Protein backbone atom coordinates (compact mmCIF):
# COMPACT_ATOMS: atom_id res chain seq x y z
CA MET A 1 7.86 9.05 -21.31
CA ALA A 2 4.15 9.85 -21.24
CA ALA A 3 3.30 7.04 -23.63
CA TRP A 4 5.47 4.55 -21.71
CA ALA A 5 3.88 5.49 -18.38
CA THR A 6 0.29 5.56 -19.53
CA VAL A 7 0.19 2.34 -21.56
CA ILE A 8 -0.44 0.00 -18.66
CA PRO A 9 -2.37 -3.22 -17.99
CA SER A 10 -6.06 -2.91 -17.26
CA PRO A 11 -7.31 -3.91 -13.81
CA MET A 12 -8.46 -7.52 -13.66
CA ASP A 13 -12.17 -8.30 -13.35
CA GLU A 14 -11.79 -8.96 -9.62
CA ALA A 15 -10.54 -5.41 -9.13
CA LEU A 16 -13.45 -3.86 -10.97
CA GLU A 17 -15.91 -6.01 -9.02
CA ALA A 18 -14.41 -4.71 -5.78
CA LEU A 19 -15.38 -1.16 -6.73
CA LYS A 20 -19.06 -1.82 -6.12
CA PRO A 21 -20.50 -0.33 -2.90
CA SER A 22 -22.40 -2.41 -0.38
CA SER A 23 -24.43 -1.94 2.79
CA GLU A 24 -21.17 -2.27 4.75
CA LEU A 25 -18.98 0.01 2.64
CA THR A 26 -19.27 3.19 0.66
CA VAL A 27 -16.95 3.40 -2.33
CA GLU A 28 -15.85 6.61 -4.04
CA THR A 29 -13.77 6.71 -7.21
CA GLU A 30 -13.12 10.46 -7.55
CA PRO A 31 -10.76 12.16 -6.96
CA TRP A 32 -9.29 9.10 -5.23
CA LEU A 33 -10.42 5.55 -4.65
CA VAL A 34 -11.96 5.63 -1.16
CA PHE A 35 -13.36 2.74 0.85
CA ARG A 36 -15.25 3.93 3.92
CA PRO A 37 -16.95 1.66 6.49
CA SER A 38 -20.67 2.42 6.69
CA ASN A 39 -21.04 1.53 10.37
CA GLY A 40 -19.53 4.72 11.70
CA PRO A 41 -16.44 6.89 11.25
CA ALA A 42 -13.08 5.17 11.34
CA ASP A 43 -10.35 6.51 13.62
CA VAL A 44 -7.44 4.97 11.69
CA GLY A 45 -6.84 5.39 7.98
CA LEU A 46 -4.48 3.95 5.38
CA ILE A 47 -3.19 5.85 2.36
CA PHE A 48 -1.86 3.37 -0.18
CA TYR A 49 0.26 4.50 -3.14
CA PRO A 50 0.05 2.28 -6.27
CA GLY A 51 3.09 0.74 -7.93
CA ALA A 52 4.70 2.27 -10.99
CA ARG A 53 2.68 1.93 -14.19
CA VAL A 54 -0.13 0.18 -12.33
CA ASP A 55 -3.75 1.33 -12.50
CA TYR A 56 -4.67 2.37 -8.95
CA ARG A 57 -7.91 0.40 -9.19
CA ALA A 58 -5.84 -2.81 -9.28
CA TYR A 59 -5.54 -2.51 -5.49
CA ALA A 60 -9.30 -2.32 -4.92
CA PRO A 61 -9.74 -5.89 -3.61
CA ALA A 62 -7.07 -5.44 -0.94
CA ALA A 63 -8.29 -1.96 -0.05
CA ARG A 64 -11.82 -3.27 0.29
CA ALA A 65 -10.72 -6.13 2.56
CA ILE A 66 -8.87 -3.70 4.83
CA ALA A 67 -11.86 -1.35 4.94
CA ASP A 68 -14.12 -4.30 5.78
CA ALA A 69 -12.14 -4.56 9.02
CA GLY A 70 -13.15 -1.00 9.96
CA TYR A 71 -10.52 1.28 8.45
CA LEU A 72 -10.71 4.12 5.97
CA VAL A 73 -8.59 3.26 2.93
CA VAL A 74 -7.60 5.72 0.20
CA VAL A 75 -5.76 4.74 -2.98
CA PRO A 76 -4.88 7.80 -5.08
CA PRO A 77 -4.16 7.78 -8.80
CA MET A 78 -0.76 9.22 -9.63
CA PRO A 79 0.38 11.52 -12.45
CA LEU A 80 1.46 9.34 -15.38
CA ASN A 81 0.90 6.37 -13.03
CA LEU A 82 4.14 7.18 -11.17
CA ALA A 83 4.07 7.95 -7.44
CA VAL A 84 7.48 9.60 -7.74
CA LEU A 85 5.70 12.51 -9.46
CA ALA A 86 3.42 13.14 -6.45
CA PRO A 87 5.09 11.75 -3.31
CA ASP A 88 3.24 14.25 -1.11
CA ARG A 89 -0.24 13.30 -2.30
CA ALA A 90 -0.91 12.02 1.24
CA GLN A 91 -1.06 15.59 2.52
CA ASP A 92 -4.11 16.38 0.38
CA ILE A 93 -5.79 13.16 1.47
CA GLN A 94 -5.17 13.80 5.16
CA ALA A 95 -6.60 17.30 4.84
CA ALA A 96 -9.75 15.85 3.25
CA PHE A 97 -10.42 13.49 6.18
CA PRO A 98 -9.88 15.49 9.39
CA GLU A 99 -11.88 12.93 11.37
CA ILE A 100 -9.03 10.40 11.11
CA ASP A 101 -6.86 10.48 14.24
CA ARG A 102 -4.05 8.20 13.07
CA TRP A 103 -2.71 7.59 9.61
CA ALA A 104 -0.62 4.83 8.11
CA VAL A 105 0.95 5.39 4.71
CA GLY A 106 2.09 2.61 2.45
CA GLY A 107 2.22 1.28 -1.03
CA HIS A 108 3.43 -1.29 -3.49
CA SER A 109 6.88 -1.15 -5.09
CA LEU A 110 7.66 2.44 -6.14
CA GLY A 111 4.48 3.50 -4.36
CA GLY A 112 5.81 2.07 -1.13
CA ALA A 113 9.14 3.81 -1.61
CA MET A 114 7.38 7.15 -2.03
CA ALA A 115 5.15 6.51 0.96
CA ALA A 116 8.28 5.85 3.03
CA ARG A 117 9.75 9.10 1.72
CA PHE A 118 6.62 10.95 2.81
CA ALA A 119 6.84 9.40 6.28
CA ALA A 120 10.51 10.32 6.61
CA GLN A 121 9.82 13.92 5.63
CA ASN A 122 6.57 14.29 7.61
CA PRO A 123 6.97 12.13 10.73
CA GLU A 124 4.44 14.16 12.71
CA GLN A 125 1.75 13.29 10.16
CA VAL A 126 2.36 9.54 10.00
CA GLN A 127 1.74 6.94 12.68
CA GLY A 128 2.50 3.80 10.65
CA VAL A 129 4.22 2.61 7.46
CA VAL A 130 3.24 -0.43 5.37
CA LEU A 131 5.50 -1.55 2.53
CA TRP A 132 4.48 -4.16 -0.02
CA ALA A 133 7.52 -5.31 -2.04
CA ALA A 134 9.14 -1.96 -1.31
CA TYR A 135 11.80 -0.18 0.70
CA PRO A 136 12.68 3.46 1.44
CA PRO A 137 14.98 5.47 -0.80
CA SER A 138 18.45 5.72 0.73
CA SER A 139 17.88 9.46 1.15
CA SER A 140 14.72 8.87 3.23
CA SER A 141 15.87 6.55 5.99
CA LEU A 142 13.41 5.77 8.77
CA ARG A 143 16.02 3.98 10.87
CA GLY A 144 15.94 6.46 13.74
CA SER A 145 12.15 6.68 13.74
CA SER A 146 9.80 5.12 16.25
CA ILE A 147 7.01 4.87 13.67
CA PRO A 148 5.61 1.31 13.56
CA ALA A 149 6.42 -0.29 10.21
CA ALA A 150 5.78 -3.54 8.35
CA SER A 151 7.73 -4.79 5.34
CA ILE A 152 5.74 -7.43 3.44
CA TYR A 153 7.37 -9.21 0.50
CA GLY A 154 7.18 -12.31 -1.66
CA SER A 155 9.84 -14.99 -1.54
CA LEU A 156 9.74 -15.29 -5.35
CA ASP A 157 9.62 -11.58 -6.19
CA GLY A 158 11.76 -11.08 -9.28
CA LEU A 159 11.85 -7.27 -9.01
CA ALA A 160 11.92 -6.27 -5.32
CA THR A 161 13.83 -9.46 -4.54
CA PRO A 162 14.11 -10.77 -0.99
CA ASP A 163 17.80 -9.83 -1.03
CA LYS A 164 16.92 -6.23 -1.87
CA ILE A 165 14.20 -6.14 0.77
CA LEU A 166 16.41 -7.52 3.52
CA ALA A 167 19.22 -5.17 2.52
CA SER A 168 16.88 -2.30 3.44
CA ARG A 169 16.86 -3.25 7.14
CA ASP A 170 19.13 -0.33 7.99
CA LEU A 171 16.63 2.06 6.37
CA LEU A 172 13.68 1.00 8.53
CA PRO A 173 12.93 1.23 12.26
CA ALA A 174 14.57 -1.42 14.42
CA GLU A 175 11.16 -2.80 15.45
CA THR A 176 9.90 -3.23 11.88
CA GLN A 177 7.80 -6.35 11.32
CA TRP A 178 9.22 -8.43 8.44
CA VAL A 179 6.67 -10.65 6.72
CA GLU A 180 7.76 -12.99 3.94
CA ILE A 181 4.99 -14.50 1.84
CA ALA A 182 6.27 -17.91 0.77
CA GLY A 183 5.65 -18.45 -2.93
CA GLY A 184 4.54 -14.87 -3.54
CA ASN A 185 5.87 -12.67 -6.34
CA HIS A 186 5.73 -8.98 -7.28
CA ALA A 187 2.66 -8.67 -9.48
CA GLN A 188 0.33 -10.61 -7.20
CA PHE A 189 0.30 -7.75 -4.71
CA GLY A 190 -2.19 -6.20 -7.13
CA TRP A 191 -4.84 -7.37 -9.59
CA TYR A 192 -3.31 -6.39 -12.92
CA GLY A 193 -1.86 -9.60 -14.37
CA PRO A 194 1.77 -10.65 -14.86
CA GLN A 195 4.69 -8.22 -14.89
CA SER A 196 7.85 -8.23 -17.00
CA GLY A 197 10.90 -9.35 -15.06
CA ASP A 198 8.92 -10.97 -12.28
CA SER A 199 9.17 -14.61 -11.23
CA THR A 200 6.30 -17.08 -11.32
CA ALA A 201 4.42 -17.37 -8.04
CA THR A 202 3.68 -20.77 -6.56
CA ILE A 203 0.64 -19.58 -4.60
CA SER A 204 -2.54 -18.03 -5.91
CA ARG A 205 -3.07 -14.30 -6.15
CA SER A 206 -5.88 -14.56 -3.60
CA ALA A 207 -3.66 -16.42 -1.13
CA GLN A 208 -0.92 -13.84 -1.47
CA GLN A 209 -3.40 -11.01 -1.05
CA ASP A 210 -4.88 -12.61 2.05
CA GLN A 211 -1.47 -12.72 3.70
CA ALA A 212 -0.58 -9.16 2.70
CA VAL A 213 -3.90 -7.87 4.01
CA ALA A 214 -3.55 -9.80 7.28
CA ALA A 215 -0.09 -8.35 7.92
CA THR A 216 -1.36 -4.86 7.08
CA LEU A 217 -4.29 -5.23 9.44
CA ALA A 218 -1.93 -6.28 12.23
CA LEU A 219 -0.10 -2.99 11.90
CA LEU A 220 -3.30 -0.94 11.71
CA ARG A 221 -4.65 -2.64 14.83
CA SER A 222 -1.45 -1.76 16.66
CA LEU A 223 -2.16 1.90 15.90
CA GLU A 224 -5.54 1.59 17.59
CA ASP A 225 -3.88 0.20 20.71
CA ALA A 226 -1.10 2.79 20.83
CA PRO A 227 -1.29 5.42 23.62
């Protein structure tokens, strides 16, 4: 299993470029990937779990874009690149950033499923949930929760298909925001190249990322406005 889990695609050049700090952002790569706005402490943070067998740095461009809007973003590496082996990693991250008042947890694919599990098991520690091509495990339903949630998915996803996503409605809060990205697929939620079993997207990776980031920012902004 170790060999299967650790032989994964390398992050694309765009992902590695996004790791460079700037005057607007500080970037840390150990022990987690952290994007922190330089113009003052953020009040809202996002913990984003990577998809299965995906290098966590592949989400750097999206994380950077979200941080550019004023939010702390943390993307943790996972043991053997599988979030299912560390679903509670968010607890360590929250403890490391006590200045954050409100936290959203989310992730891509299996990472999103494990983030939803964390939210279901720790509702007092989570103020928002963001799922990219993901849905909660049946044992971790958020249906009775009042936590704001967004489910963002591609219309051409060959793995977390639209049918699977929409079938998860009963596992998410009634007020969940459902965002379909027309022409988007599974792999283009990150910057790691194509993925076996996926369908071919009809929009660019950048266009899909822009829509995913915009929908994520809408949820994070709602946390700022919440009483």
